[in-house]
Every structure is written in structure tokens, then in C-alpha cells.
Protein backbone atom coordinates (compact mmCIF):
# COMPACT_ATOMS: atom_id res chain seq x y z
CA UNK A 1 149.24 115.11 142.76
CA UNK A 2 146.95 117.55 144.56
CA UNK A 3 149.40 117.74 147.49
CA UNK A 4 152.26 118.69 145.15
CA UNK A 5 150.16 121.44 143.60
CA UNK A 6 149.27 122.75 147.06
CA UNK A 7 152.93 122.80 148.12
CA UNK A 8 153.93 124.60 144.92
CA UNK A 9 151.26 127.25 145.46
CA UNK A 10 152.49 127.72 149.05
CA UNK A 11 156.07 128.25 147.84
CA UNK A 12 154.94 130.85 145.30
CA UNK A 13 152.94 132.66 147.97
CA UNK A 14 155.97 132.78 150.27
CA UNK A 15 158.19 134.08 147.47
CA UNK A 16 155.61 136.73 146.63
CA UNK A 17 155.36 137.87 150.25
CA UNK A 18 159.15 138.06 150.64
CA UNK A 19 159.45 139.98 147.34
CA UNK A 20 156.79 142.44 148.49
CA UNK A 21 158.58 142.97 151.81
CA UNK A 22 161.86 143.52 149.97
CA UNK A 23 160.23 146.01 147.64
CA UNK A 24 158.75 148.08 150.46
CA UNK A 25 162.01 147.89 152.40
CA UNK A 26 163.99 149.06 149.37
CA UNK A 27 161.54 151.90 148.81
CA UNK A 28 161.86 152.97 152.43
CA UNK A 29 165.68 152.97 152.30
CA UNK A 30 165.64 154.92 149.06
CA UNK A 31 163.37 157.50 150.62
CA UNK A 32 165.71 157.84 153.62
CA UNK A 33 168.81 158.20 151.43
CA UNK A 34 167.04 160.69 149.19
CA UNK A 35 166.20 162.90 152.16
CA UNK A 36 169.82 162.69 153.36
CA UNK A 37 171.15 163.59 149.91
CA UNK A 38 168.91 166.67 149.67
CA UNK A 39 170.17 167.92 153.03
CA UNK A 40 173.80 167.21 152.07
CA UNK A 41 173.46 169.16 148.79
CA UNK A 42 172.09 172.16 150.63
CA UNK A 43 175.12 172.06 152.93
CA UNK A 44 177.56 171.71 149.99
CA UNK A 45 176.02 174.68 148.19
CA UNK A 46 176.73 176.80 151.27
CA UNK A 47 180.29 175.41 151.50
CA UNK A 48 180.94 176.15 147.80
CA UNK A 49 179.80 179.75 148.20
CA UNK A 50 182.05 180.18 151.24
CA UNK A 51 185.07 178.58 149.51
CA UNK A 52 184.65 180.64 146.34
CA UNK A 53 184.54 183.78 148.42
CA UNK A 54 187.87 182.80 150.01
CA UNK A 55 189.54 181.73 146.73
CA UNK A 56 188.86 184.90 144.73
CA UNK A 57 190.55 186.92 147.46
CA UNK A 58 193.86 185.09 146.98
CA UNK A 59 196.50 186.74 144.81
CA UNK A 60 197.35 183.49 143.03
CA UNK A 61 195.91 180.01 142.40
CA UNK A 62 199.05 178.60 143.99
CA UNK A 63 197.63 179.20 147.47
CA UNK A 64 194.26 177.59 146.78
CA UNK A 65 195.40 174.16 148.05
CA UNK A 66 195.97 175.59 151.51
CA UNK A 67 192.49 177.09 151.61
CA UNK A 68 190.84 173.87 150.40
CA UNK A 69 192.66 171.81 153.06
CA UNK A 70 190.99 173.86 155.73
CA UNK A 71 187.68 172.08 154.88
CA UNK A 72 188.62 168.60 156.00
CA UNK A 73 185.01 167.45 156.46
CA UNK A 74 184.46 167.56 152.70
CA UNK A 75 186.50 166.86 149.55
CA UNK A 76 186.96 169.85 147.24
CA UNK A 77 188.49 170.05 143.74
CA UNK A 78 188.93 173.08 141.51
CA UNK A 79 189.22 172.69 137.70
CA UNK A 80 189.82 175.21 134.95
CA UNK A 81 187.81 175.52 131.75
CA UNK A 82 189.87 172.73 130.17
CA UNK A 83 189.04 170.30 133.00
CA UNK A 84 192.57 170.51 134.36
CA UNK A 85 192.80 170.10 138.10
CA UNK A 86 194.07 173.34 139.65
CA UNK A 87 193.70 172.59 143.35
CA UNK A 88 192.47 169.77 145.57
CA UNK A 89 191.94 169.16 149.28
CA UNK A 90 193.42 166.19 151.11
CA UNK A 91 191.74 162.96 150.11
CA UNK A 92 189.74 161.13 152.79
CA UNK A 93 188.52 157.54 153.01
CA UNK A 94 184.77 157.15 153.35
CA UNK A 95 182.52 154.18 153.93
CA UNK A 96 179.24 155.52 152.66
CA UNK A 97 177.71 157.08 149.57
CA UNK A 98 178.82 160.52 148.48
CA UNK A 99 176.94 163.56 147.20
CA UNK A 100 178.58 166.07 144.80
CA UNK A 101 177.79 169.70 144.02
CA UNK A 102 179.46 171.68 141.20
CA UNK A 103 179.55 175.47 141.19
CA UNK A 104 181.17 177.60 138.42
CA UNK A 105 182.96 180.88 139.28
CA UNK A 106 185.27 183.44 137.65
CA UNK A 107 188.75 184.45 138.81
CA UNK A 108 190.78 187.13 137.08
CA UNK A 109 188.83 186.75 133.87
CA UNK A 110 189.14 182.96 133.69
CA UNK A 111 186.34 180.40 134.32
CA UNK A 112 186.73 177.78 137.01
CA UNK A 113 184.60 175.00 138.45
CA UNK A 114 184.57 174.00 142.09
CA UNK A 115 183.47 170.42 142.80
CA UNK A 116 182.68 169.55 146.40
CA UNK A 117 181.57 166.18 147.68
CA UNK A 118 180.47 164.90 151.03
CA UNK A 119 179.48 161.49 152.30
CA UNK A 120 176.19 160.87 154.06
CA UNK A 121 176.33 162.02 157.58
CA UNK A 122 176.54 159.45 160.36
CA UNK A 123 173.02 160.05 161.72
CA UNK A 124 171.48 159.31 158.34
CA UNK A 125 173.53 156.14 157.96
CA UNK A 126 172.43 155.12 161.47
CA UNK A 127 168.81 155.74 160.48
CA UNK A 128 169.21 153.46 157.47
CA UNK A 129 170.80 150.77 159.63
CA UNK A 130 167.92 151.05 162.12
CA UNK A 131 165.41 150.67 159.33
CA UNK A 132 167.32 147.66 158.02
CA UNK A 133 167.24 145.95 161.40
CA UNK A 134 163.52 146.77 161.75
CA UNK A 135 162.65 145.26 158.38
CA UNK A 136 164.81 142.19 158.97
CA UNK A 137 163.03 141.56 162.27
CA UNK A 138 159.68 142.25 160.63
CA UNK A 139 160.40 139.83 157.79
CA UNK A 140 161.53 137.21 160.30
CA UNK A 141 158.28 137.58 162.25
CA UNK A 142 156.24 137.52 159.04
CA UNK A 143 158.05 134.44 157.77
CA UNK A 144 157.55 132.68 161.12
CA UNK A 145 153.86 133.62 161.14
CA UNK A 146 153.38 132.38 157.59
CA UNK A 147 155.20 129.15 158.40
CA UNK A 148 153.00 128.62 161.46
CA UNK A 149 149.86 129.43 159.45
CA UNK A 150 150.86 127.07 156.65
CA UNK A 151 151.70 124.31 159.14
CA UNK A 152 148.40 124.83 160.97
CA UNK A 153 146.42 124.93 157.71
CA UNK A 154 148.09 121.78 156.48
CA UNK A 155 147.63 119.96 159.80
CA UNK A 156 144.01 120.96 160.40
CA UNK A 157 142.69 121.24 156.84
CA UNK A 158 144.83 119.85 154.04
CA UNK A 159 146.05 116.66 155.71
CA UNK A 160 142.56 115.57 156.91
CA UNK A 161 141.09 116.24 153.46
CA UNK A 162 143.95 114.34 151.82
CA UNK A 163 143.06 111.40 154.08
CA UNK A 164 139.43 111.87 153.09
CA UNK A 165 140.33 111.84 149.40
CA UNK A 166 142.47 108.71 149.79
CA UNK A 167 139.72 106.94 151.73
CA UNK A 168 137.14 107.72 149.04
CA UNK A 169 139.60 106.73 146.32
CA UNK A 170 140.25 103.43 148.12
CA UNK A 171 136.52 102.78 148.37
CA UNK A 172 136.15 103.52 144.66
CA UNK A 173 138.77 100.88 143.90
CA UNK A 174 137.86 98.16 146.40
CA UNK A 175 134.25 98.90 147.38
CA UNK A 176 135.25 98.73 151.05
CA UNK A 177 135.89 101.39 153.68
CA UNK A 178 139.03 101.56 155.74
CA UNK A 179 138.72 102.52 159.39
CA UNK A 180 140.40 105.92 159.39
CA UNK A 181 140.52 108.51 162.14
CA UNK A 182 140.00 111.82 160.39
CA UNK A 183 139.75 114.93 162.52
CA UNK A 184 137.72 118.09 162.11
CA UNK A 185 135.20 118.91 159.41
CA UNK A 186 136.83 116.45 156.99
CA UNK A 187 136.08 113.70 159.53
CA UNK A 188 132.43 114.74 159.64
CA UNK A 189 132.30 114.68 155.83
CA UNK A 190 133.91 111.23 155.79
CA UNK A 191 131.50 109.82 158.37
CA UNK A 192 128.57 111.33 156.48
CA UNK A 193 129.87 109.84 153.23
CA UNK A 194 130.26 106.42 154.86
CA UNK A 195 126.75 106.60 156.32
CA UNK A 196 125.24 107.73 153.02
CA UNK A 197 127.08 105.03 151.07
CA UNK A 198 126.10 102.32 153.53
CA UNK A 199 122.46 103.46 153.30
CA UNK A 200 122.63 103.37 149.51
CA UNK A 201 124.15 99.90 149.56
CA UNK A 202 121.53 98.74 152.06
CA UNK A 203 118.79 100.14 149.80
CA UNK A 204 120.31 98.38 146.81
CA UNK A 205 120.45 95.09 148.71
CA UNK A 206 116.88 95.63 149.81
CA UNK A 207 115.74 96.35 146.27
CA UNK A 208 117.49 93.21 145.00
CA UNK A 209 115.87 91.21 147.79
CA UNK A 210 112.45 92.62 146.88
CA UNK A 211 112.92 91.88 143.21
CA UNK A 212 114.05 88.32 143.96
CA UNK A 213 111.11 87.80 146.31
CA UNK A 214 108.60 89.21 143.85
CA UNK A 215 110.08 87.01 141.15
CA UNK A 216 109.64 84.00 143.41
CA UNK A 217 106.05 84.99 144.30
CA UNK A 218 105.16 85.42 140.64
CA UNK A 219 106.67 82.09 139.61
CA UNK A 220 104.42 80.11 141.96
CA UNK A 221 101.03 81.20 140.52
CA UNK A 222 102.55 81.42 137.05
CA UNK A 223 103.58 77.75 137.26
CA UNK A 224 99.98 76.85 138.22
CA UNK A 225 98.59 78.92 135.34
CA UNK A 226 100.89 77.17 132.87
CA UNK A 227 100.00 73.75 134.30
CA UNK A 228 96.22 74.29 134.11
CA UNK A 229 96.52 75.88 130.66
CA UNK A 230 98.38 72.78 129.47
CA UNK A 231 95.61 70.55 130.82
CA UNK A 232 92.96 72.63 129.04
CA UNK A 233 94.64 71.82 125.74
CA UNK A 234 93.73 68.15 126.12
CA UNK A 235 90.67 66.95 124.19
CA UNK A 236 89.23 64.57 126.79
CA UNK A 237 88.74 67.17 129.55
CA UNK A 238 85.18 67.58 130.91
CA UNK A 239 83.31 70.86 130.81
CA UNK A 240 83.03 70.95 134.61
CA UNK A 241 86.76 70.42 135.04
CA UNK A 242 87.51 72.93 132.29
CA UNK A 243 85.48 75.56 134.14
CA UNK A 244 87.27 74.78 137.37
CA UNK A 245 90.66 75.10 135.66
CA UNK A 246 89.69 78.43 134.11
CA UNK A 247 88.55 79.75 137.48
CA UNK A 248 91.88 78.71 139.00
CA UNK A 249 93.79 80.36 136.17
CA UNK A 250 91.79 83.56 136.67
CA UNK A 251 92.43 83.51 140.43
CA UNK A 252 96.15 82.98 139.96
CA UNK A 253 96.21 85.79 137.40
CA UNK A 254 94.63 88.14 139.96
CA UNK A 255 97.34 87.16 142.44
CA UNK A 256 100.01 88.07 139.90
CA UNK A 257 98.26 91.32 139.14
CA UNK A 258 98.10 92.20 142.82
CA UNK A 259 101.80 91.40 143.26
CA UNK A 260 102.85 93.45 140.23
CA UNK A 261 100.64 96.43 141.14
CA UNK A 262 101.89 96.51 144.71
CA UNK A 263 105.51 96.16 143.62
CA UNK A 264 105.13 98.84 140.95
CA UNK A 265 103.53 101.17 143.46
CA UNK A 266 106.32 100.65 145.96
CA UNK A 267 109.09 101.31 143.44
CA UNK A 268 107.38 104.33 141.88
CA UNK A 269 106.72 106.11 145.17
CA UNK A 270 108.68 109.35 145.51
CA UNK A 271 106.64 110.95 148.24
CA UNK A 272 108.68 114.05 148.90
CA UNK A 273 108.37 115.17 145.29
CA UNK A 274 104.79 114.07 144.63
CA UNK A 275 103.13 114.96 147.93
CA UNK A 276 100.70 117.89 147.99
CA UNK A 277 99.69 118.79 151.54
CA UNK A 278 96.62 120.80 152.53
CA UNK A 279 94.97 121.55 155.86
CA UNK A 280 92.37 118.94 156.79
CA UNK A 281 90.32 118.56 159.98
CA UNK A 282 90.00 115.39 162.05
CA UNK A 283 86.23 115.46 161.42
CA UNK A 284 86.78 115.40 157.66
CA UNK A 285 89.28 112.54 157.88
CA UNK A 286 86.90 110.50 160.08
CA UNK A 287 84.04 111.10 157.66
CA UNK A 288 86.18 110.15 154.66
CA UNK A 289 87.25 106.86 156.32
CA UNK A 290 83.62 105.88 156.87
CA UNK A 291 82.52 106.90 153.37
CA UNK A 292 85.40 105.20 151.58
CA UNK A 293 85.77 101.91 153.47
CA UNK A 294 82.68 101.06 155.53
CA UNK A 295 80.72 99.43 152.70
CA UNK A 296 83.64 97.33 151.43
CA UNK A 297 84.50 96.16 154.93
CA UNK A 298 80.86 95.21 155.59
CA UNK A 299 80.92 93.00 152.50
CA UNK A 300 83.99 91.28 153.96
CA UNK A 301 82.14 90.76 157.22
CA UNK A 302 84.12 93.41 159.11
CA UNK A 303 82.56 95.96 161.47
CA UNK A 304 84.15 99.42 161.19
CA UNK A 305 83.84 102.08 163.88
CA UNK A 306 85.45 105.53 163.75
CA UNK A 307 85.65 107.68 166.88
CA UNK A 308 86.90 111.26 166.68
CA UNK A 309 88.08 112.62 170.03
CA UNK A 310 90.21 115.34 168.42
CA UNK A 311 87.26 117.70 167.73
CA UNK A 312 88.30 120.29 165.13
CA UNK A 313 92.07 119.64 165.27
CA UNK A 314 93.72 119.97 161.87
CA UNK A 315 96.70 118.39 160.12
CA UNK A 316 98.35 119.11 156.79
CA UNK A 317 98.10 116.02 154.58
CA UNK A 318 97.85 114.81 151.03
CA UNK A 319 94.32 113.42 151.32
CA UNK A 320 94.58 110.84 148.54
CA UNK A 321 97.81 109.35 149.86
CA UNK A 322 96.63 109.53 153.47
CA UNK A 323 93.50 107.57 152.51
CA UNK A 324 95.80 105.01 150.92
CA UNK A 325 97.46 104.53 154.32
CA UNK A 326 94.12 103.52 155.86
CA UNK A 327 93.31 101.34 152.85
CA UNK A 328 96.58 99.42 153.19
CA UNK A 329 96.20 99.00 156.96
CA UNK A 330 92.59 97.80 156.58
CA UNK A 331 93.61 95.36 153.82
CA UNK A 332 96.34 93.99 156.05
CA UNK A 333 93.84 93.50 158.88
CA UNK A 334 91.35 91.71 156.62
CA UNK A 335 94.03 89.23 155.55
CA UNK A 336 94.79 88.29 159.15
CA UNK A 337 91.36 87.98 160.72
CA UNK A 338 90.50 84.71 162.41
CA UNK A 339 87.08 83.11 162.27
CA UNK A 340 85.92 85.12 165.30
CA UNK A 341 84.26 88.54 165.29
CA UNK A 342 85.95 90.86 162.79
CA UNK A 343 86.29 94.41 164.12
CA UNK A 344 88.33 97.43 163.02
CA UNK A 345 88.22 100.48 165.27
CA UNK A 346 89.76 103.88 164.45
CA UNK A 347 90.24 106.34 167.33
CA UNK A 348 91.47 109.90 166.69
CA UNK A 349 93.04 111.92 169.52
CA UNK A 350 94.95 115.18 169.78
CA UNK A 351 97.02 117.30 172.13
CA UNK A 352 98.66 120.71 171.74
CA UNK A 353 101.33 119.41 169.38
CA UNK A 354 100.09 116.29 167.60
CA UNK A 355 97.11 114.41 166.21
CA UNK A 356 97.06 110.64 166.77
CA UNK A 357 95.30 107.96 164.71
CA UNK A 358 94.92 104.55 166.43
CA UNK A 359 93.79 101.71 164.10
CA UNK A 360 92.89 98.58 166.07
CA UNK A 361 91.72 95.19 164.80
CA UNK A 362 90.61 91.91 166.36
CA UNK A 363 92.80 89.80 164.10
CA UNK A 364 95.51 87.31 164.96
CA UNK A 365 98.05 90.06 165.73
CA UNK A 366 101.82 89.99 165.44
CA UNK A 367 104.37 88.60 167.93
CA UNK A 368 105.81 91.40 170.04
CA UNK A 369 109.36 90.76 168.84
CA UNK A 370 108.23 91.34 165.23
CA UNK A 371 106.28 94.56 165.78
CA UNK A 372 109.18 96.68 164.48
CA UNK A 373 109.51 94.51 161.36
CA UNK A 374 106.00 94.77 159.94
CA UNK A 375 106.80 98.04 158.13
CA UNK A 376 109.81 96.51 156.39
CA UNK A 377 109.38 95.54 152.72
CA UNK A 378 108.20 91.94 152.22
CA UNK A 379 107.59 91.20 155.88
CA UNK A 380 104.57 88.98 156.41
CA UNK A 381 103.44 86.59 159.10
CA UNK A 382 101.98 84.34 156.37
CA UNK A 383 104.61 81.67 155.70
CA UNK A 384 102.91 80.77 152.42
CA UNK A 385 102.97 84.45 151.51
CA UNK A 386 100.42 84.98 148.80
CA UNK A 387 101.07 88.74 148.91
CA UNK A 388 104.24 90.73 148.55
CA UNK A 389 104.13 92.31 152.01
CA UNK A 390 104.67 95.86 150.72
CA UNK A 391 101.44 97.51 151.91
CA UNK A 392 102.62 98.58 155.37
CA UNK A 393 106.01 99.59 153.95
CA UNK A 394 104.21 101.96 151.58
CA UNK A 395 102.31 103.34 154.59
CA UNK A 396 105.60 104.17 156.27
CA UNK A 397 106.86 105.91 153.13
CA UNK A 398 103.75 108.09 153.04
CA UNK A 399 103.86 108.96 156.76
CA UNK A 400 107.59 109.74 156.57
CA UNK A 401 106.83 112.12 153.73
CA UNK A 402 104.34 113.86 156.04
CA UNK A 403 107.12 114.22 158.67
CA UNK A 404 105.12 111.92 160.93
CA UNK A 405 105.63 108.63 162.76
CA UNK A 406 104.00 105.23 162.37
CA UNK A 407 104.47 102.25 164.67
CA UNK A 408 102.56 99.25 166.02
CA UNK A 409 101.70 97.55 169.28
CA UNK A 410 99.32 94.92 170.62
CA UNK A 411 95.67 95.99 170.41
CA UNK A 412 93.15 95.84 173.23
CA UNK A 413 90.91 94.05 170.70
CA UNK A 414 93.39 91.19 170.67
CA UNK A 415 94.97 91.91 167.30
CA UNK A 416 97.24 94.67 166.00
CA UNK A 417 97.15 98.40 166.76
CA UNK A 418 98.82 100.74 164.28
CA UNK A 419 99.46 104.28 165.57
CA UNK A 420 100.08 107.30 163.35
CA UNK A 421 101.36 110.61 164.76
CA UNK A 422 101.19 113.83 162.76
CA UNK A 423 102.02 117.42 163.69
CA UNK A 424 98.96 119.44 164.59
CA UNK A 425 98.43 122.54 162.48
CA UNK A 426 98.82 125.63 164.66
């Protein structure tokens, strides 16, 4: 449908261009003929004056035919006051337009009218023919140029975008992409559309997977809660067992709460809209880490050390969200400590371009082949998975919003090392 409209518009444009060329050509020819007619009239006026002078010298109108025939380059007719033809020159055959001039005169008391006509002179006719040839050639060149332009436009623009439209329309109907080779900018748009759509579909699949996993993780403790609650309804249960059941129910409820809170936080994160970045020094960040987490980690039996080697280097961060990154990483470390010494070490470095945060722990670590997976939603090395595995994924969302990088490697403490890179404030 769109192609037909485009072709119709092209036809109308061509017709308009040809009509405009014809109009200007016609105007040019008219101007040329008008100039020729003016010159011819001036000549005829002179001829009429000369002929009248010769006629009035004749003794009788009977000899006027002989005088008129002497002017064979023009046609001359003399009429009386009653429009009767008195004399006329020999008739000639012409192939061009004529110009007439009428001049009244008096002869022996009677009124007469001399009518002379001449056809456009050969040089003017030649000029018109030259102009005609020029405009025909010009219109041919213009038509060829327009045809080439239309063909080029269709080939390079319209046809690729028609393919793009059909590909998108086919995806809308079937939900699948066809492998099409589309050239030019339309091809770039198509590839970008395919990439964007595939990313959206991948995100949707990921969201469905997260929801299904969270549902599964909630059902497990929920089933325990329901089972222990059912046992509490029995009359012959002891007080000691009742207390133990209530404690289990409370513990399972906390697990559900943790799952729901973490899931809700992951889904509600829109970092690029909510982030509020301000300049913050490495010293201030190091101090905040100690103040916010040292006491809690000590209670969990973990030794925290923070070493700032970046001096007064500054980064632009949202402090609350950046603190959350450290909180999530520390919580992940605590969950994976072995029975040996529990250590978390934070080292801050800088160079001319970046500030680096290295968070090391002495936990059980992650297999090297899985290091790139730990920031994916729901990844966890705990096969029983009592947590949703969204904490490190949230960290990546926050760091991405800061235009930074986050990745992991094996720590020299034997566990996991998470590295964060942020641009240094100039």
C-alpha cells in the first residue's frame, strides 16, 4: 500500500516537472514571436507609407494592381469605404504566422484602406526552432536525471525500508525474525531493532525465570510453616515442642521476608532515573565502610580491614546506593565463609583515570568457570539455595548506572575478590 502511494506521488511529481518545463518553454516561444511581430509591424508601417505615396500619384485606381505587385515580399490589399476590394497583389503561399497592418488614406476625395501582411522572417523562425530544440534536449536531460534520481532513491532508500517494514510486519505476525540482507541505513535500523527485540525477549525470559525461581523458593519454607502450624493445632503437643515449632515458623518466615524484599528490590530498581551522584573522596568512602559495617561484621565473627591507597581521589556516586553495593558483597561473603578465619579486606587504589575498589574475602570462593555468572540473577553456589541470589545482580545494576565496571576473580585470601572500577573525577 505504501509502495503504491510512493509510486503515485512520483508520477505526479514527474507530471508537474514536465508541465513546468512546457510552461516556461511556451512563454519563451511567445516572447520570441512577440519580438518578431513588433519588428514586422514596424516594417509594414514603412511599406504602407511608401505604397500609399505611390498609389495617390496614379491617375486611376485601375493601375493600382501593377504597383502592388511590385512588392512581392508582402501581400497588400486595398479596400474602399464599403469594404470592397479595389486592388490586390499576387497571393503567396507561406508556412509561418502572418502579421497585418492597416493604414487608411484618401484618394480623390474618397476613403480607402490599405491592408498589408507579412509572415515572420526566416531568422525569427530559425530562432524559434533553435529554442525548441534546446528545450526538447533540456527536457530529455531533465527527464533522464529525474528517472535516475528516482531509481537511485528507490534502490537505496525506498526498497530497503520496504524490506524493513515487511520484516517487522512478519515479526509482528509470527514472533520470529527472517534472515534478511538489508543494505544501508535501513539495514542498521533493522539490526538495531533485532538486537533490541532480542534483548527485550531475553529480559522477559529472565524475569519469568526469576519469578518462577522465587515462587519455588517461597514454597519450600511456606510448606514448612504450614506443616508446623498444623502440628501446633493439636492438643497433645508439649510446650517444649510447641516453642521449637514456633521458632522454626519464625525462622522460615524471615527467609520468606528476605526473599520477597530482595526480589522486590531487584524489580523496583531503575538506577538511571533514581540515581543522584555527588563528588565523594576515597577517604570518605573508606570511613563510611568502616562505620557502617565493621560492628555488624564483628558480631558475625568477621574481621574487616579497609586500606585506602587512593589518597584524596574523588568519584561521583550516589552514596546510599554505593553503600548498598558493599553491603550486598559483604552479605554474600558472610554466607560463604568456611569454619576457618573469616576476613574481608577492602583495598582502594587509583590512577589518572579511574578509582578501583578491591573487596577480598577468605571464604570458599567460586570456581573460575563461574566467575562471570555470579552477577547474573539467581546465580548461587549453594545448591540448596536458601536465598534468591539477587544481591550481586543488584550490585551490577548500581555500578552500571554509575557508568562503571564490576567483575570478580580469585582472591589472594583464598576466597572471592570483587573489583569495582569507577571514573575518577577530574
